[in-house]
């Protein structure tokens, strides 16, 4: 249950009293241990970077958990590490986690989402002044039926565009689509904020649909952090401390983007400060300041997942059976809910 505090924030009143007490006293105890499996081989240029920066900047330590980061290259390897016991928590795509349950009946819980949104934008030639101007124009997609294609047509339809009147051109990866746009081969395409920032030849281009507007029209939950049911049962203190570290770091990055930029300069010296500052501005409303799991977005993402071929013939899994907001609720009871972003959807 949520109640409004006098400061204008919301407080969470839940049943996880034991977890709340453990979170509150974690600083006085020996740090919990948690092995976090991630699929980025280097610190990513997206809000998911908070998982690594919370370690290097000491947020986990202050929250009472000793996080060991284990890098793997692909989602199957992350899931394998979790299921074999070589990792305690894995950051994977929502779809992969849902398939793990639906296909293999593996008992997991999603406990947080440090990076809830795919940072998609729609970029276009400046001659395409508004989304409606795309009618009769060419639009680059990865392939017909790809995620960028299905989401972008949803977004454009929401903005009043007749998507049947747009000429779709399959071009492949986002970087290829961006290059094609810059070369004038298409009039618009979808790409991530990072690809847009790295694009050097964009004098004749502009952002047609900003990331926040894109996500508002297609609120797809991108990635979640999952643990086994056994780990959730046996180590609630470690999970709650991890969530607290993520929430505190995310709030600091949201209130002062220079903290993120300075940390990323050290983590990614290959990226200029100018690009990092541009990314920080783009992500100003993207941080998981309340743990990142919006239950309305969970329902939307689940529905979209079961519309894809990957879920043909699979049992429909109710989100309540594997989405566990209890650890988030415990942390927010202590810290209060940030009303500026990261809506809870409940």
C-alpha atoms as a PDB file:
ATOM      1  CA  UNK A   1       0.000   0.000   0.000  1.00  0.00           C
ATOM      2  CA  UNK A   2       1.271   3.514  -0.826  1.00  0.00           C
ATOM      3  CA  UNK A   3       0.579   6.520   1.395  1.00  0.00           C
ATOM      4  CA  UNK A   4       1.463  10.116   0.688  1.00  0.00           C
ATOM      5  CA  UNK A   5       4.082  11.722   2.863  1.00  0.00           C
ATOM      6  CA  UNK A   6       4.022  15.373   3.845  1.00  0.00           C
ATOM      7  CA  UNK A   7       6.948  16.059   1.533  1.00  0.00           C
ATOM      8  CA  UNK A   8       4.836  15.103  -1.478  1.00  0.00           C
ATOM      9  CA  UNK A   9       6.600  11.777  -1.881  1.00  0.00           C
ATOM     10  CA  UNK A  10       4.947   8.402  -1.390  1.00  0.00           C
ATOM     11  CA  UNK A  11       5.844   5.802   1.165  1.00  0.00           C
ATOM     12  CA  UNK A  12       5.308   2.079   0.745  1.00  0.00           C
ATOM     13  CA  UNK A  13       3.683   0.086   3.525  1.00  0.00           C
ATOM     14  CA  UNK A  14       4.174  -3.613   2.886  1.00  0.00           C
ATOM     15  CA  UNK A  15       4.407  -6.956   4.564  1.00  0.00           C
ATOM     16  CA  UNK A  16       8.154  -7.447   4.227  1.00  0.00           C
ATOM     17  CA  UNK A  17       8.941  -6.198   7.720  1.00  0.00           C
ATOM     18  CA  UNK A  18      11.860  -8.574   8.138  1.00  0.00           C
ATOM     19  CA  UNK A  19      13.488  -7.388   4.908  1.00  0.00           C
ATOM     20  CA  UNK A  20      12.928  -3.754   5.903  1.00  0.00           C
ATOM     21  CA  UNK A  21      14.645  -4.338   9.208  1.00  0.00           C
ATOM     22  CA  UNK A  22      17.556  -6.061   7.531  1.00  0.00           C
ATOM     23  CA  UNK A  23      17.967  -3.186   5.069  1.00  0.00           C
ATOM     24  CA  UNK A  24      17.913  -0.633   7.870  1.00  0.00           C
ATOM     25  CA  UNK A  25      20.542  -2.473   9.900  1.00  0.00           C
ATOM     26  CA  UNK A  26      22.713  -3.755   7.066  1.00  0.00           C
ATOM     27  CA  UNK A  27      25.384  -1.145   7.700  1.00  0.00           C
ATOM     28  CA  UNK A  28      26.040  -2.610  11.150  1.00  0.00           C
ATOM     29  CA  UNK A  29      26.483  -6.161   9.846  1.00  0.00           C
ATOM     30  CA  UNK A  30      29.057  -7.903   7.727  1.00  0.00           C
ATOM     31  CA  UNK A  31      28.364  -7.150   4.078  1.00  0.00           C
ATOM     32  CA  UNK A  32      26.228  -9.615   2.179  1.00  0.00           C
ATOM     33  CA  UNK A  33      27.764 -11.297  -0.880  1.00  0.00           C
ATOM     34  CA  UNK A  34      26.187 -11.215  -4.332  1.00  0.00           C
ATOM     35  CA  UNK A  35      27.579 -12.363  -7.691  1.00  0.00           C
ATOM     36  CA  UNK A  36      26.016 -10.275 -10.462  1.00  0.00           C
ATOM     37  CA  UNK A  37      26.155 -11.629 -14.031  1.00  0.00           C
ATOM     38  CA  UNK A  38      25.977  -9.024 -16.801  1.00  0.00           C
ATOM     39  CA  UNK A  39      26.183  -9.348 -20.580  1.00  0.00           C
ATOM     40  CA  UNK A  40      28.163  -6.172 -21.318  1.00  0.00           C
ATOM     41  CA  UNK A  41      31.843  -6.730 -21.983  1.00  0.00           C
ATOM     42  CA  UNK A  42      32.523  -3.085 -21.150  1.00  0.00           C
ATOM     43  CA  UNK A  43      30.612  -0.412 -19.253  1.00  0.00           C
ATOM     44  CA  UNK A  44      27.636   0.382 -21.519  1.00  0.00           C
ATOM     45  CA  UNK A  45      26.692   3.895 -22.617  1.00  0.00           C
ATOM     46  CA  UNK A  46      23.162   3.497 -21.246  1.00  0.00           C
ATOM     47  CA  UNK A  47      21.527   3.710 -17.797  1.00  0.00           C
ATOM     48  CA  UNK A  48      22.407   0.026 -17.264  1.00  0.00           C
ATOM     49  CA  UNK A  49      25.890   1.342 -16.486  1.00  0.00           C
ATOM     50  CA  UNK A  50      24.544   2.082 -13.002  1.00  0.00           C
ATOM     51  CA  UNK A  51      25.106  -1.582 -12.109  1.00  0.00           C
ATOM     52  CA  UNK A  52      28.865  -1.205 -12.517  1.00  0.00           C
ATOM     53  CA  UNK A  53      29.166   2.390 -11.370  1.00  0.00           C
ATOM     54  CA  UNK A  54      27.315   1.608  -8.147  1.00  0.00           C
ATOM     55  CA  UNK A  55      30.226  -0.701  -7.408  1.00  0.00           C
ATOM     56  CA  UNK A  56      33.085   1.607  -8.390  1.00  0.00           C
ATOM     57  CA  UNK A  57      31.507   4.583  -6.602  1.00  0.00           C
ATOM     58  CA  UNK A  58      30.855   2.624  -3.396  1.00  0.00           C
ATOM     59  CA  UNK A  59      27.045   2.581  -3.374  1.00  0.00           C
ATOM     60  CA  UNK A  60      26.823  -1.183  -2.852  1.00  0.00           C
ATOM     61  CA  UNK A  61      29.320  -1.065  -0.015  1.00  0.00           C
ATOM     62  CA  UNK A  62      27.335   1.649   1.753  1.00  0.00           C
ATOM     63  CA  UNK A  63      24.141  -0.330   1.203  1.00  0.00           C
ATOM     64  CA  UNK A  64      25.687  -3.382   2.877  1.00  0.00           C
ATOM     65  CA  UNK A  65      26.394  -5.740  -0.017  1.00  0.00           C
ATOM     66  CA  UNK A  66      29.656  -6.877  -1.612  1.00  0.00           C
ATOM     67  CA  UNK A  67      28.883  -7.234  -5.333  1.00  0.00           C
ATOM     68  CA  UNK A  68      31.154  -9.265  -7.587  1.00  0.00           C
ATOM     69  CA  UNK A  69      30.507  -8.521 -11.272  1.00  0.00           C
ATOM     70  CA  UNK A  70      30.817 -11.449 -13.664  1.00  0.00           C
ATOM     71  CA  UNK A  71      30.952 -10.560 -17.357  1.00  0.00           C
ATOM     72  CA  UNK A  72      29.656 -12.875 -20.053  1.00  0.00           C
ATOM     73  CA  UNK A  73      29.072 -12.161 -23.717  1.00  0.00           C
ATOM     74  CA  UNK A  74      25.510 -13.314 -24.338  1.00  0.00           C
ATOM     75  CA  UNK A  75      22.195 -13.812 -22.566  1.00  0.00           C
ATOM     76  CA  UNK A  76      22.327 -17.643 -22.765  1.00  0.00           C
ATOM     77  CA  UNK A  77      25.643 -17.551 -20.882  1.00  0.00           C
ATOM     78  CA  UNK A  78      24.134 -15.293 -18.207  1.00  0.00           C
ATOM     79  CA  UNK A  79      21.190 -17.648 -17.736  1.00  0.00           C
ATOM     80  CA  UNK A  80      23.538 -20.654 -17.683  1.00  0.00           C
ATOM     81  CA  UNK A  81      25.587 -19.027 -14.910  1.00  0.00           C
ATOM     82  CA  UNK A  82      22.440 -18.439 -12.877  1.00  0.00           C
ATOM     83  CA  UNK A  83      20.961 -21.902 -13.367  1.00  0.00           C
ATOM     84  CA  UNK A  84      24.283 -23.646 -12.625  1.00  0.00           C
ATOM     85  CA  UNK A  85      24.857 -21.664  -9.442  1.00  0.00           C
ATOM     86  CA  UNK A  86      27.891 -19.806 -10.800  1.00  0.00           C
ATOM     87  CA  UNK A  87      26.038 -16.506 -10.316  1.00  0.00           C
ATOM     88  CA  UNK A  88      23.437 -15.242  -7.863  1.00  0.00           C
ATOM     89  CA  UNK A  89      21.708 -12.611  -9.993  1.00  0.00           C
ATOM     90  CA  UNK A  90      21.605 -12.034 -13.753  1.00  0.00           C
ATOM     91  CA  UNK A  91      20.690  -8.941 -15.754  1.00  0.00           C
ATOM     92  CA  UNK A  92      18.863 -10.260 -18.833  1.00  0.00           C
ATOM     93  CA  UNK A  93      16.164  -9.216 -21.255  1.00  0.00           C
ATOM     94  CA  UNK A  94      12.564  -9.431 -20.063  1.00  0.00           C
ATOM     95  CA  UNK A  95      11.766 -11.723 -22.986  1.00  0.00           C
ATOM     96  CA  UNK A  96      14.608 -14.126 -22.169  1.00  0.00           C
ATOM     97  CA  UNK A  97      13.531 -14.348 -18.535  1.00  0.00           C
ATOM     98  CA  UNK A  98       9.909 -14.972 -19.477  1.00  0.00           C
ATOM     99  CA  UNK A  99      10.922 -17.673 -21.961  1.00  0.00           C
ATOM    100  CA  UNK A 100      13.057 -19.333 -19.280  1.00  0.00           C
ATOM    101  CA  UNK A 101       9.938 -19.769 -17.177  1.00  0.00           C
ATOM    102  CA  UNK A 102       7.529 -20.627 -20.002  1.00  0.00           C
ATOM    103  CA  UNK A 103       9.837 -23.099 -21.771  1.00  0.00           C
ATOM    104  CA  UNK A 104      11.865 -24.629 -18.973  1.00  0.00           C
ATOM    105  CA  UNK A 105       9.604 -24.058 -15.962  1.00  0.00           C
ATOM    106  CA  UNK A 106      12.631 -22.668 -14.128  1.00  0.00           C
ATOM    107  CA  UNK A 107      11.658 -20.907 -10.893  1.00  0.00           C
ATOM    108  CA  UNK A 108      12.996 -17.347 -10.926  1.00  0.00           C
ATOM    109  CA  UNK A 109      12.051 -13.949  -9.561  1.00  0.00           C
ATOM    110  CA  UNK A 110      12.619 -10.547 -11.196  1.00  0.00           C
ATOM    111  CA  UNK A 111      13.583  -8.143  -8.406  1.00  0.00           C
ATOM    112  CA  UNK A 112      14.714  -4.914 -10.121  1.00  0.00           C
ATOM    113  CA  UNK A 113      15.309  -3.218 -13.463  1.00  0.00           C
ATOM    114  CA  UNK A 114      18.341  -0.896 -13.428  1.00  0.00           C
ATOM    115  CA  UNK A 115      17.692   0.009 -17.085  1.00  0.00           C
ATOM    116  CA  UNK A 116      14.013  -0.375 -17.856  1.00  0.00           C
ATOM    117  CA  UNK A 117      13.733   1.280 -21.293  1.00  0.00           C
ATOM    118  CA  UNK A 118      15.328   0.626 -24.655  1.00  0.00           C
ATOM    119  CA  UNK A 119      16.648   4.136 -25.464  1.00  0.00           C
ATOM    120  CA  UNK A 120      15.102   4.305 -28.934  1.00  0.00           C
ATOM    121  CA  UNK A 121      14.530   7.506 -30.868  1.00  0.00           C
ATOM    122  CA  UNK A 122      13.307   8.126 -34.401  1.00  0.00           C
ATOM    123  CA  UNK A 123      15.700  10.280 -36.388  1.00  0.00           C
ATOM    124  CA  UNK A 124      14.838  11.844 -39.728  1.00  0.00           C
ATOM    125  CA  UNK A 125      15.901  14.297 -42.375  1.00  0.00           C
ATOM    126  CA  UNK A 126      15.116  17.876 -41.446  1.00  0.00           C
ATOM    127  CA  UNK A 127      12.717  17.954 -44.394  1.00  0.00           C
ATOM    128  CA  UNK A 128      10.565  15.550 -42.337  1.00  0.00           C
ATOM    129  CA  UNK A 129       9.448  18.160 -39.835  1.00  0.00           C
ATOM    130  CA  UNK A 130       6.771  16.122 -38.031  1.00  0.00           C
ATOM    131  CA  UNK A 131       5.865  12.425 -37.838  1.00  0.00           C
ATOM    132  CA  UNK A 132       2.874  13.038 -40.141  1.00  0.00           C
ATOM    133  CA  UNK A 133       5.357  14.107 -42.833  1.00  0.00           C
ATOM    134  CA  UNK A 134       6.566  10.492 -43.017  1.00  0.00           C
ATOM    135  CA  UNK A 135       3.537   9.570 -45.137  1.00  0.00           C
ATOM    136  CA  UNK A 136       4.859   8.699 -48.593  1.00  0.00           C
ATOM    137  CA  UNK A 137       8.460   8.616 -47.335  1.00  0.00           C
ATOM    138  CA  UNK A 138      10.946   5.784 -46.713  1.00  0.00           C
ATOM    139  CA  UNK A 139      11.594   4.399 -43.230  1.00  0.00           C
ATOM    140  CA  UNK A 140      14.518   2.099 -42.431  1.00  0.00           C
ATOM    141  CA  UNK A 141      13.928  -0.949 -40.212  1.00  0.00           C
ATOM    142  CA  UNK A 142      16.080  -3.881 -39.171  1.00  0.00           C
ATOM    143  CA  UNK A 143      13.760  -6.309 -40.900  1.00  0.00           C
ATOM    144  CA  UNK A 144      10.025  -6.673 -41.267  1.00  0.00           C
ATOM    145  CA  UNK A 145       8.809  -8.054 -37.960  1.00  0.00           C
ATOM    146  CA  UNK A 146      11.887  -6.998 -35.988  1.00  0.00           C
ATOM    147  CA  UNK A 147      11.534  -5.317 -32.594  1.00  0.00           C
ATOM    148  CA  UNK A 148      12.411  -1.861 -33.936  1.00  0.00           C
ATOM    149  CA  UNK A 149       9.859  -2.331 -36.736  1.00  0.00           C
ATOM    150  CA  UNK A 150       6.978  -3.430 -34.492  1.00  0.00           C
ATOM    151  CA  UNK A 151       7.660  -0.834 -31.807  1.00  0.00           C
ATOM    152  CA  UNK A 152       8.180   2.034 -34.229  1.00  0.00           C
ATOM    153  CA  UNK A 153       4.955   1.349 -36.113  1.00  0.00           C
ATOM    154  CA  UNK A 154       3.174   1.299 -32.748  1.00  0.00           C
ATOM    155  CA  UNK A 155       4.736   4.633 -31.818  1.00  0.00           C
ATOM    156  CA  UNK A 156       3.967   6.253 -35.157  1.00  0.00           C
ATOM    157  CA  UNK A 157       0.384   4.997 -35.120  1.00  0.00           C
ATOM    158  CA  UNK A 158       0.007   6.472 -31.638  1.00  0.00           C
ATOM    159  CA  UNK A 159       1.201   9.795 -33.070  1.00  0.00           C
ATOM    160  CA  UNK A 160      -1.485   9.681 -35.766  1.00  0.00           C
ATOM    161  CA  UNK A 161       0.631   8.456 -38.667  1.00  0.00           C
ATOM    162  CA  UNK A 162      -0.858   6.114 -41.270  1.00  0.00           C
ATOM    163  CA  UNK A 163       1.937   3.536 -41.165  1.00  0.00           C
ATOM    164  CA  UNK A 164       0.515   1.722 -44.193  1.00  0.00           C
ATOM    165  CA  UNK A 165       1.409   4.809 -46.218  1.00  0.00           C
ATOM    166  CA  UNK A 166       5.106   4.597 -45.295  1.00  0.00           C
ATOM    167  CA  UNK A 167       7.599   2.712 -47.477  1.00  0.00           C
ATOM    168  CA  UNK A 168       9.514   0.352 -45.158  1.00  0.00           C
ATOM    169  CA  UNK A 169      13.080  -0.565 -46.146  1.00  0.00           C
ATOM    170  CA  UNK A 170      14.902  -3.454 -44.401  1.00  0.00           C
ATOM    171  CA  UNK A 171      18.486  -2.395 -43.704  1.00  0.00           C
ATOM    172  CA  UNK A 172      19.770  -4.417 -40.747  1.00  0.00           C
ATOM    173  CA  UNK A 173      21.608  -3.198 -37.660  1.00  0.00           C
ATOM    174  CA  UNK A 174      21.053   0.278 -36.126  1.00  0.00           C
ATOM    175  CA  UNK A 175      24.498   1.539 -37.122  1.00  0.00           C
ATOM    176  CA  UNK A 176      23.809   0.534 -40.731  1.00  0.00           C
ATOM    177  CA  UNK A 177      20.423   2.244 -40.642  1.00  0.00           C
ATOM    178  CA  UNK A 178      22.002   5.387 -39.188  1.00  0.00           C
ATOM    179  CA  UNK A 179      24.596   5.467 -41.949  1.00  0.00           C
ATOM    180  CA  UNK A 180      21.891   4.977 -44.564  1.00  0.00           C
ATOM    181  CA  UNK A 181      19.924   7.886 -43.093  1.00  0.00           C
ATOM    182  CA  UNK A 182      22.970  10.148 -43.105  1.00  0.00           C
ATOM    183  CA  UNK A 183      23.636   9.172 -46.729  1.00  0.00           C
ATOM    184  CA  UNK A 184      20.074  10.034 -47.731  1.00  0.00           C
ATOM    185  CA  UNK A 185      19.051   6.479 -48.644  1.00  0.00           C
ATOM    186  CA  UNK A 186      16.030   6.647 -46.303  1.00  0.00           C
ATOM    187  CA  UNK A 187      14.061   9.538 -44.843  1.00  0.00           C
ATOM    188  CA  UNK A 188      13.881   8.271 -41.252  1.00  0.00           C
ATOM    189  CA  UNK A 189      14.769   5.321 -39.042  1.00  0.00           C
ATOM    190  CA  UNK A 190      14.870   4.119 -35.454  1.00  0.00           C
ATOM    191  CA  UNK A 191      18.124   3.953 -33.508  1.00  0.00           C
ATOM    192  CA  UNK A 192      19.349   4.133 -29.945  1.00  0.00           C
ATOM    193  CA  UNK A 193      20.366   7.387 -28.319  1.00  0.00           C
ATOM    194  CA  UNK A 194      23.936   6.056 -28.254  1.00  0.00           C
ATOM    195  CA  UNK A 195      24.029   5.431 -32.007  1.00  0.00           C
ATOM    196  CA  UNK A 196      22.574   8.891 -32.614  1.00  0.00           C
ATOM    197  CA  UNK A 197      25.203  10.531 -30.383  1.00  0.00           C
ATOM    198  CA  UNK A 198      28.024   8.704 -32.150  1.00  0.00           C
ATOM    199  CA  UNK A 199      26.783   9.704 -35.605  1.00  0.00           C
ATOM    200  CA  UNK A 200      29.083  12.442 -36.877  1.00  0.00           C
ATOM    201  CA  UNK A 201      27.367  13.391 -40.126  1.00  0.00           C
ATOM    202  CA  UNK A 202      23.983  14.671 -38.927  1.00  0.00           C
ATOM    203  CA  UNK A 203      23.848  18.342 -39.930  1.00  0.00           C
ATOM    204  CA  UNK A 204      20.823  17.667 -42.124  1.00  0.00           C
ATOM    205  CA  UNK A 205      19.158  15.367 -39.578  1.00  0.00           C
ATOM    206  CA  UNK A 206      17.150  15.838 -36.393  1.00  0.00           C
ATOM    207  CA  UNK A 207      15.403  13.823 -33.696  1.00  0.00           C
ATOM    208  CA  UNK A 208      11.837  13.379 -34.914  1.00  0.00           C
ATOM    209  CA  UNK A 209      10.567  11.402 -31.897  1.00  0.00           C
ATOM    210  CA  UNK A 210      12.495  11.812 -28.640  1.00  0.00           C
ATOM    211  CA  UNK A 211      13.288   8.857 -26.403  1.00  0.00           C
ATOM    212  CA  UNK A 212      10.793   9.837 -23.696  1.00  0.00           C
ATOM    213  CA  UNK A 213       7.985  10.164 -26.261  1.00  0.00           C
ATOM    214  CA  UNK A 214       8.952   6.866 -27.872  1.00  0.00           C
ATOM    215  CA  UNK A 215       8.846   5.047 -24.542  1.00  0.00           C
ATOM    216  CA  UNK A 216       5.567   6.690 -23.546  1.00  0.00           C
ATOM    217  CA  UNK A 217       3.933   5.273 -26.686  1.00  0.00           C
ATOM    218  CA  UNK A 218       5.580   1.838 -26.398  1.00  0.00           C
ATOM    219  CA  UNK A 219       6.516   1.246 -22.721  1.00  0.00           C
ATOM    220  CA  UNK A 220       8.462  -1.951 -23.251  1.00  0.00           C
ATOM    221  CA  UNK A 221      10.413  -3.093 -20.185  1.00  0.00           C
ATOM    222  CA  UNK A 222      13.818  -3.926 -21.595  1.00  0.00           C
ATOM    223  CA  UNK A 223      15.853  -5.778 -18.969  1.00  0.00           C
ATOM    224  CA  UNK A 224      15.310  -7.196 -15.503  1.00  0.00           C
ATOM    225  CA  UNK A 225      17.540  -8.594 -12.791  1.00  0.00           C
ATOM    226  CA  UNK A 226      16.539 -12.135 -11.933  1.00  0.00           C
ATOM    227  CA  UNK A 227      17.449 -14.520  -9.119  1.00  0.00           C
ATOM    228  CA  UNK A 228      16.417 -18.090  -8.446  1.00  0.00           C
ATOM    229  CA  UNK A 229      13.531 -18.611  -6.045  1.00  0.00           C
ATOM    230  CA  UNK A 230      15.977 -20.374  -3.730  1.00  0.00           C
ATOM    231  CA  UNK A 231      18.309 -17.361  -3.619  1.00  0.00           C
ATOM    232  CA  UNK A 232      15.359 -15.014  -3.086  1.00  0.00           C
ATOM    233  CA  UNK A 233      14.224 -17.140  -0.162  1.00  0.00           C
ATOM    234  CA  UNK A 234      17.654 -17.553   1.437  1.00  0.00           C
ATOM    235  CA  UNK A 235      19.245 -14.141   0.781  1.00  0.00           C
ATOM    236  CA  UNK A 236      16.618 -11.377   1.009  1.00  0.00           C
ATOM    237  CA  UNK A 237      19.152  -9.087   2.728  1.00  0.00           C
ATOM    238  CA  UNK A 238      21.571  -9.242  -0.209  1.00  0.00           C
ATOM    239  CA  UNK A 239      18.818  -8.505  -2.742  1.00  0.00           C
ATOM    240  CA  UNK A 240      17.423  -5.595  -0.741  1.00  0.00           C
ATOM    241  CA  UNK A 241      20.909  -4.122  -0.296  1.00  0.00           C
ATOM    242  CA  UNK A 242      21.576  -4.435  -4.038  1.00  0.00           C
ATOM    243  CA  UNK A 243      18.303  -2.647  -4.822  1.00  0.00           C
ATOM    244  CA  UNK A 244      19.136   0.080  -2.315  1.00  0.00           C
ATOM    245  CA  UNK A 245      22.530   0.646  -3.949  1.00  0.00           C
ATOM    246  CA  UNK A 246      20.930   0.891  -7.405  1.00  0.00           C
ATOM    247  CA  UNK A 247      18.226   3.280  -6.203  1.00  0.00           C
ATOM    248  CA  UNK A 248      20.677   5.578  -4.397  1.00  0.00           C
ATOM    249  CA  UNK A 249      23.085   5.696  -7.341  1.00  0.00           C
ATOM    250  CA  UNK A 250      20.253   6.273  -9.818  1.00  0.00           C
ATOM    251  CA  UNK A 251      18.890   9.159  -7.737  1.00  0.00           C
ATOM    252  CA  UNK A 252      22.293  10.806  -7.550  1.00  0.00           C
ATOM    253  CA  UNK A 253      22.795  10.448 -11.313  1.00  0.00           C
ATOM    254  CA  UNK A 254      19.335  11.902 -11.912  1.00  0.00           C
ATOM    255  CA  UNK A 255      19.892  14.896  -9.647  1.00  0.00           C
ATOM    256  CA  UNK A 256      23.440  15.601 -10.815  1.00  0.00           C
ATOM    257  CA  UNK A 257      24.387  14.211 -14.230  1.00  0.00           C
ATOM    258  CA  UNK A 258      28.010  15.308 -13.723  1.00  0.00           C
ATOM    259  CA  UNK A 259      28.433  12.387 -11.301  1.00  0.00           C
ATOM    260  CA  UNK A 260      27.564   9.926 -14.059  1.00  0.00           C
ATOM    261  CA  UNK A 261      29.649  11.756 -16.660  1.00  0.00           C
ATOM    262  CA  UNK A 262      32.744  11.830 -14.428  1.00  0.00           C
ATOM    263  CA  UNK A 263      32.403   8.136 -13.558  1.00  0.00           C
ATOM    264  CA  UNK A 264      31.885   7.209 -17.202  1.00  0.00           C
ATOM    265  CA  UNK A 265      34.945   9.204 -18.245  1.00  0.00           C
ATOM    266  CA  UNK A 266      36.999   6.825 -16.114  1.00  0.00           C
ATOM    267  CA  UNK A 267      35.116   3.719 -17.206  1.00  0.00           C
ATOM    268  CA  UNK A 268      35.039   4.647 -20.910  1.00  0.00           C
ATOM    269  CA  UNK A 269      38.034   6.875 -21.758  1.00  0.00           C
ATOM    270  CA  UNK A 270      37.363   6.039 -25.417  1.00  0.00           C
ATOM    271  CA  UNK A 271      34.233   8.238 -25.359  1.00  0.00           C
ATOM    272  CA  UNK A 272      34.490  12.028 -25.344  1.00  0.00           C
ATOM    273  CA  UNK A 273      33.028  14.073 -22.519  1.00  0.00           C
ATOM    274  CA  UNK A 274      30.856  15.892 -25.066  1.00  0.00           C
ATOM    275  CA  UNK A 275      29.170  12.642 -26.069  1.00  0.00           C
ATOM    276  CA  UNK A 276      28.786  11.590 -22.439  1.00  0.00           C
ATOM    277  CA  UNK A 277      27.161  14.903 -21.570  1.00  0.00           C
ATOM    278  CA  UNK A 278      24.782  14.529 -24.519  1.00  0.00           C
ATOM    279  CA  UNK A 279      23.870  11.035 -23.347  1.00  0.00           C
ATOM    280  CA  UNK A 280      23.402  12.215 -19.771  1.00  0.00           C
ATOM    281  CA  UNK A 281      20.942  14.834 -20.991  1.00  0.00           C
ATOM    282  CA  UNK A 282      19.058  12.237 -23.037  1.00  0.00           C
ATOM    283  CA  UNK A 283      18.810   9.913 -20.032  1.00  0.00           C
ATOM    284  CA  UNK A 284      17.741  12.605 -17.563  1.00  0.00           C
ATOM    285  CA  UNK A 285      14.353  10.928 -16.986  1.00  0.00           C
ATOM    286  CA  UNK A 286      15.445   7.321 -17.481  1.00  0.00           C
ATOM    287  CA  UNK A 287      17.059   6.424 -14.195  1.00  0.00           C
ATOM    288  CA  UNK A 288      15.542   3.665 -12.057  1.00  0.00           C
ATOM    289  CA  UNK A 289      15.106   5.901  -9.039  1.00  0.00           C
ATOM    290  CA  UNK A 290      12.349   3.630  -7.705  1.00  0.00           C
ATOM    291  CA  UNK A 291      13.788   0.269  -8.711  1.00  0.00           C
ATOM    292  CA  UNK A 292      12.619   0.285 -12.326  1.00  0.00           C
ATOM    293  CA  UNK A 293       9.717  -2.196 -12.234  1.00  0.00           C
ATOM    294  CA  UNK A 294       6.502  -0.543 -13.387  1.00  0.00           C
ATOM    295  CA  UNK A 295       3.725  -3.127 -13.194  1.00  0.00           C
ATOM    296  CA  UNK A 296       1.728  -1.464 -15.971  1.00  0.00           C
ATOM    297  CA  UNK A 297       4.802  -1.713 -18.209  1.00  0.00           C
ATOM    298  CA  UNK A 298       5.235  -5.346 -17.146  1.00  0.00           C
ATOM    299  CA  UNK A 299       1.709  -6.108 -18.341  1.00  0.00           C
ATOM    300  CA  UNK A 300       2.312  -4.287 -21.649  1.00  0.00           C
ATOM    301  CA  UNK A 301       5.641  -6.044 -22.227  1.00  0.00           C
ATOM    302  CA  UNK A 302       4.140  -9.446 -21.437  1.00  0.00           C
ATOM    303  CA  UNK A 303       1.348  -8.855 -23.928  1.00  0.00           C
ATOM    304  CA  UNK A 304       3.782  -7.803 -26.645  1.00  0.00           C
ATOM    305  CA  UNK A 305       6.011 -10.818 -25.964  1.00  0.00           C
ATOM    306  CA  UNK A 306       3.173 -13.270 -26.523  1.00  0.00           C
ATOM    307  CA  UNK A 307       2.429 -11.647 -29.869  1.00  0.00           C
ATOM    308  CA  UNK A 308       5.838 -12.737 -31.191  1.00  0.00           C
ATOM    309  CA  UNK A 309       6.863 -16.030 -32.793  1.00  0.00           C
ATOM    310  CA  UNK A 310       9.216 -16.788 -29.869  1.00  0.00           C
ATOM    311  CA  UNK A 311       6.189 -17.462 -27.667  1.00  0.00           C
ATOM    312  CA  UNK A 312       4.098 -19.497 -30.100  1.00  0.00           C
ATOM    313  CA  UNK A 313       2.528 -22.402 -28.236  1.00  0.00           C
ATOM    314  CA  UNK A 314       3.963 -21.419 -24.860  1.00  0.00           C
ATOM    315  CA  UNK A 315       1.911 -21.266 -21.692  1.00  0.00           C
ATOM    316  CA  UNK A 316       0.970 -17.705 -20.768  1.00  0.00           C
ATOM    317  CA  UNK A 317       2.732 -16.836 -17.528  1.00  0.00           C
ATOM    318  CA  UNK A 318       1.049 -14.438 -15.123  1.00  0.00           C
ATOM    319  CA  UNK A 319       3.472 -11.644 -14.134  1.00  0.00           C
ATOM    320  CA  UNK A 320       2.510 -11.991 -10.464  1.00  0.00           C
ATOM    321  CA  UNK A 321       4.127 -15.445 -10.427  1.00  0.00           C
ATOM    322  CA  UNK A 322       7.629 -14.115 -11.097  1.00  0.00           C
ATOM    323  CA  UNK A 323       7.730 -10.326 -10.767  1.00  0.00           C
ATOM    324  CA  UNK A 324       8.641  -9.631  -7.132  1.00  0.00           C
ATOM    325  CA  UNK A 325       8.499  -5.982  -6.052  1.00  0.00           C
ATOM    326  CA  UNK A 326       8.816  -6.800  -2.363  1.00  0.00           C
ATOM    327  CA  UNK A 327      12.495  -5.886  -2.113  1.00  0.00           C
ATOM    328  CA  UNK A 328      11.892  -2.619  -3.943  1.00  0.00           C
ATOM    329  CA  UNK A 329       8.965  -1.853  -1.630  1.00  0.00           C
ATOM    330  CA  UNK A 330      11.146  -2.441   1.412  1.00  0.00           C
ATOM    331  CA  UNK A 331      13.781  -0.020   0.159  1.00  0.00           C
ATOM    332  CA  UNK A 332      11.193   2.601  -0.799  1.00  0.00           C
ATOM    333  CA  UNK A 333       9.641   2.353   2.661  1.00  0.00           C
ATOM    334  CA  UNK A 334      12.983   3.560   3.986  1.00  0.00           C
ATOM    335  CA  UNK A 335      13.869   6.082   1.287  1.00  0.00           C
ATOM    336  CA  UNK A 336      10.449   7.239   0.053  1.00  0.00           C
ATOM    337  CA  UNK A 337       9.272   7.183  -3.550  1.00  0.00           C
ATOM    338  CA  UNK A 338      10.824   9.591  -6.030  1.00  0.00           C
ATOM    339  CA  UNK A 339       7.875  11.337  -7.658  1.00  0.00           C
ATOM    340  CA  UNK A 340       9.921  12.853 -10.476  1.00  0.00           C
ATOM    341  CA  UNK A 341      10.388   9.736 -12.608  1.00  0.00           C
ATOM    342  CA  UNK A 342      10.258   5.941 -12.622  1.00  0.00           C
ATOM    343  CA  UNK A 343       6.562   5.562 -11.910  1.00  0.00           C
ATOM    344  CA  UNK A 344       5.606   2.368 -10.063  1.00  0.00           C
ATOM    345  CA  UNK A 345       2.523   1.634 -12.143  1.00  0.00           C
ATOM    346  CA  UNK A 346       0.672   0.498  -9.016  1.00  0.00           C
END
